[in-house]
Amino acid sequence: MDRPLQIVFRDIQHSDALEKLIQDRAQRLENAYSRIIGCRVVVGTSHRDPNSVVVPLALCVEVEIPGKPLVVAKAEGKRKGEASALVNKVFDLAERRLEQVSEFVKNTSRRLENAPETGVVARLFPEQDHGFVEVRGGPDLYFTRACVTRGDFNALKVGMLVEVSRAPDGPMGPQASAVLALVDA
């Protein structure tokens, strides 16, 4: 965490044991998502029935991460003596939410890696049904006649601007999975 953990006891007596448990569970949050900016935990009393003798415990965990609103998990305990179970329940929920965010970020970055990029047709071999596209910052990408989308392989010319999607490296090295003609050179 970039900022120190904040623990606030509101309308309830401070407990060293509860604070220690919260600190331990807050450190484990970084296993679910490593880029946590800060974490704030509020321990307090919940609304209760006026006829009840037991003061219900409420716990709220707020986790700040880059580019997203706060990840919030909260719950209430109705019985005396279930503070540790309540802490575990709320932090388990916060961990699951952070894991979901982490998975979303991972999937988004995968999609960006496979995003189309522009290039220029560098070499063509029409009699062998393949060619190469030059892209910025990398080796030329091999492509075949079947990779040309919304257009004709025979209409391609050296120097033509194209949009390419990368495919995993094949027997010819780096290759394109799709080639789309954009503009004549």
Protein backbone atom coordinates (compact mmCIF):
# COMPACT_ATOMS: atom_id res chain seq x y z
CA MET A 1 0.00 0.00 0.00
CA ASP A 2 1.20 3.47 -0.83
CA ARG A 3 -0.48 5.01 2.23
CA PRO A 4 -0.57 3.55 5.74
CA LEU A 5 -3.62 1.59 6.85
CA GLN A 6 -6.24 3.68 8.66
CA ILE A 7 -8.35 2.02 11.35
CA VAL A 8 -11.14 4.05 12.96
CA PHE A 9 -13.18 2.93 15.96
CA ARG A 10 -16.45 4.89 15.94
CA ASP A 11 -18.81 4.82 18.92
CA ILE A 12 -17.13 1.68 20.22
CA GLN A 13 -14.28 0.93 22.61
CA HIS A 14 -10.85 0.37 21.03
CA SER A 15 -9.65 -3.24 21.00
CA ASP A 16 -5.97 -4.11 20.46
CA ALA A 17 -6.83 -7.68 19.44
CA LEU A 18 -9.35 -6.50 16.86
CA GLU A 19 -6.90 -3.91 15.53
CA LYS A 20 -4.20 -6.57 15.13
CA LEU A 21 -6.59 -8.89 13.27
CA ILE A 22 -7.58 -6.04 10.94
CA GLN A 23 -3.92 -5.20 10.27
CA ASP A 24 -3.15 -8.83 9.41
CA ARG A 25 -6.11 -9.12 7.06
CA ALA A 26 -5.35 -5.77 5.40
CA GLN A 27 -1.81 -6.92 4.55
CA ARG A 28 -3.28 -9.98 2.81
CA LEU A 29 -5.33 -7.75 0.49
CA GLU A 30 -2.19 -7.06 -1.53
CA ASN A 31 -2.11 -10.75 -2.52
CA ALA A 32 -5.40 -10.18 -4.35
CA TYR A 33 -4.35 -6.87 -5.97
CA SER A 34 -0.81 -5.54 -5.75
CA ARG A 35 -1.43 -1.90 -6.70
CA ILE A 36 -3.48 -0.78 -3.67
CA ILE A 37 -3.12 2.93 -2.89
CA GLY A 38 -4.68 2.88 0.57
CA CYS A 39 -7.09 1.12 2.89
CA ARG A 40 -9.44 2.47 5.55
CA VAL A 41 -11.36 0.32 8.01
CA VAL A 42 -14.20 1.69 10.12
CA VAL A 43 -15.33 -0.36 13.12
CA GLY A 44 -18.46 0.86 14.83
CA THR A 45 -21.90 0.13 16.11
CA SER A 46 -24.79 -0.68 13.88
CA HIS A 47 -28.42 0.33 14.24
CA ARG A 48 -30.03 -1.85 16.84
CA ASP A 49 -33.35 -2.78 18.25
CA PRO A 50 -34.02 -0.57 21.28
CA ASN A 51 -35.04 -3.68 23.26
CA SER A 52 -31.70 -5.44 22.52
CA VAL A 53 -29.00 -5.49 25.17
CA VAL A 54 -26.20 -6.47 22.77
CA VAL A 55 -24.65 -3.69 20.72
CA PRO A 56 -24.25 -4.98 17.13
CA LEU A 57 -20.87 -4.50 15.51
CA ALA A 58 -20.49 -3.04 12.01
CA LEU A 59 -17.36 -3.13 9.86
CA CYS A 60 -16.61 -1.30 6.63
CA VAL A 61 -13.46 -1.77 4.52
CA GLU A 62 -12.65 0.84 1.85
CA VAL A 63 -9.80 0.04 -0.55
CA GLU A 64 -8.50 2.69 -2.93
CA ILE A 65 -6.98 1.47 -6.20
CA PRO A 66 -5.74 3.42 -9.25
CA GLY A 67 -8.32 4.45 -11.82
CA LYS A 68 -11.30 2.94 -10.03
CA PRO A 69 -13.71 4.06 -7.36
CA LEU A 70 -13.24 2.64 -3.89
CA VAL A 71 -13.75 -1.08 -3.43
CA VAL A 72 -16.07 -1.28 -0.43
CA ALA A 73 -17.04 -4.29 1.65
CA LYS A 74 -19.17 -4.07 4.76
CA ALA A 75 -21.21 -6.25 7.09
CA GLU A 76 -22.80 -6.29 10.52
CA GLY A 77 -22.55 -8.77 13.37
CA LYS A 78 -25.63 -9.26 15.49
CA ARG A 79 -24.14 -11.30 18.33
CA LYS A 80 -21.58 -10.50 20.95
CA GLY A 81 -18.22 -12.24 20.47
CA GLU A 82 -18.31 -12.65 16.72
CA ALA A 83 -15.95 -9.78 15.91
CA SER A 84 -13.21 -11.98 14.39
CA ALA A 85 -15.75 -13.82 12.22
CA LEU A 86 -17.11 -10.47 11.05
CA VAL A 87 -13.60 -9.18 10.21
CA ASN A 88 -12.85 -12.35 8.23
CA LYS A 89 -16.20 -12.16 6.40
CA VAL A 90 -15.72 -8.54 5.33
CA PHE A 91 -12.08 -8.97 4.30
CA ASP A 92 -12.95 -12.14 2.34
CA LEU A 93 -15.52 -10.08 0.43
CA ALA A 94 -12.98 -7.29 -0.18
CA GLU A 95 -10.43 -9.85 -1.44
CA ARG A 96 -12.97 -11.34 -3.87
CA ARG A 97 -13.78 -7.89 -5.23
CA LEU A 98 -10.09 -7.06 -5.65
CA GLU A 99 -9.53 -10.38 -7.44
CA GLN A 100 -12.38 -9.49 -9.82
CA VAL A 101 -10.76 -6.11 -10.52
CA SER A 102 -7.39 -7.81 -11.05
CA GLU A 103 -8.92 -10.32 -13.50
CA PHE A 104 -10.67 -7.48 -15.37
CA VAL A 105 -7.41 -5.52 -15.64
CA LYS A 106 -5.58 -8.63 -16.87
CA ASN A 107 -8.25 -9.37 -19.52
CA THR A 108 -8.28 -5.74 -20.68
CA SER A 109 -4.51 -5.70 -21.12
CA ARG A 110 -4.71 -8.95 -23.13
CA ARG A 111 -7.25 -7.36 -25.47
CA LEU A 112 -4.99 -4.32 -25.90
CA GLU A 113 -2.05 -6.55 -26.77
CA ASN A 114 -4.11 -8.09 -29.59
CA ALA A 115 -5.44 -4.75 -30.83
CA PRO A 116 -4.92 -4.05 -34.52
CA GLU A 117 -1.96 -1.90 -35.52
CA THR A 118 -1.10 -0.16 -38.76
CA GLY A 119 1.67 -1.18 -41.07
CA VAL A 120 2.84 -1.03 -44.66
CA VAL A 121 3.01 -3.89 -47.12
CA ALA A 122 6.77 -4.47 -47.42
CA ARG A 123 6.98 -7.47 -49.79
CA LEU A 124 4.47 -9.49 -51.80
CA PHE A 125 4.79 -12.91 -53.39
CA PRO A 126 1.48 -13.38 -55.27
CA GLU A 127 2.58 -16.60 -56.99
CA GLN A 128 3.23 -18.12 -53.52
CA ASP A 129 0.12 -16.54 -51.89
CA HIS A 130 1.92 -14.67 -49.11
CA GLY A 131 3.60 -11.40 -48.19
CA PHE A 132 5.12 -9.37 -45.36
CA VAL A 133 3.86 -6.28 -43.53
CA GLU A 134 6.29 -3.84 -41.93
CA VAL A 135 5.12 -2.60 -38.51
CA ARG A 136 6.72 0.00 -36.31
CA GLY A 137 8.97 -1.30 -33.56
CA GLY A 138 9.09 -4.91 -34.62
CA PRO A 139 10.00 -7.45 -37.27
CA ASP A 140 7.99 -7.77 -40.46
CA LEU A 141 4.85 -9.89 -40.10
CA TYR A 142 4.25 -12.80 -42.46
CA PHE A 143 0.72 -13.14 -43.87
CA THR A 144 -1.06 -15.40 -46.37
CA ARG A 145 -3.82 -14.82 -48.91
CA ALA A 146 -6.36 -16.20 -46.39
CA CYS A 147 -5.47 -13.44 -43.86
CA VAL A 148 -6.68 -10.62 -46.11
CA THR A 149 -10.08 -9.45 -44.86
CA ARG A 150 -12.64 -7.31 -46.69
CA GLY A 151 -10.54 -7.07 -49.77
CA ASP A 152 -8.60 -8.99 -52.36
CA PHE A 153 -5.05 -10.26 -51.93
CA ASN A 154 -4.40 -9.41 -55.60
CA ALA A 155 -5.35 -5.75 -54.96
CA LEU A 156 -2.53 -5.32 -52.40
CA LYS A 157 0.56 -3.40 -53.51
CA VAL A 158 3.94 -2.80 -51.91
CA GLY A 159 3.77 0.44 -49.88
CA MET A 160 0.01 0.13 -49.22
CA LEU A 161 -1.15 1.12 -45.72
CA VAL A 162 -2.84 -1.80 -43.93
CA GLU A 163 -4.24 -2.65 -40.52
CA VAL A 164 -2.90 -5.91 -39.08
CA SER A 165 -3.74 -8.11 -36.11
CA ARG A 166 -0.88 -10.17 -34.74
CA ALA A 167 -1.08 -13.93 -34.38
CA PRO A 168 1.18 -16.22 -32.36
CA ASP A 169 4.53 -16.82 -34.04
CA GLY A 170 4.37 -19.58 -36.62
CA PRO A 171 6.84 -21.50 -38.77
CA MET A 172 7.65 -18.32 -40.73
CA GLY A 173 8.26 -16.33 -37.53
CA PRO A 174 6.06 -13.38 -36.46
CA GLN A 175 2.82 -13.41 -38.42
CA ALA A 176 -0.47 -11.60 -38.88
CA SER A 177 -3.87 -13.17 -38.32
CA ALA A 178 -5.72 -10.49 -40.31
CA VAL A 179 -4.70 -7.87 -42.88
CA LEU A 180 -7.08 -5.10 -43.92
CA ALA A 181 -6.16 -2.62 -46.70
CA LEU A 182 -6.68 0.99 -45.59
CA VAL A 183 -5.24 3.34 -48.27
CA ASP A 184 -3.26 3.05 -51.50
CA ALA A 185 0.36 4.21 -51.33
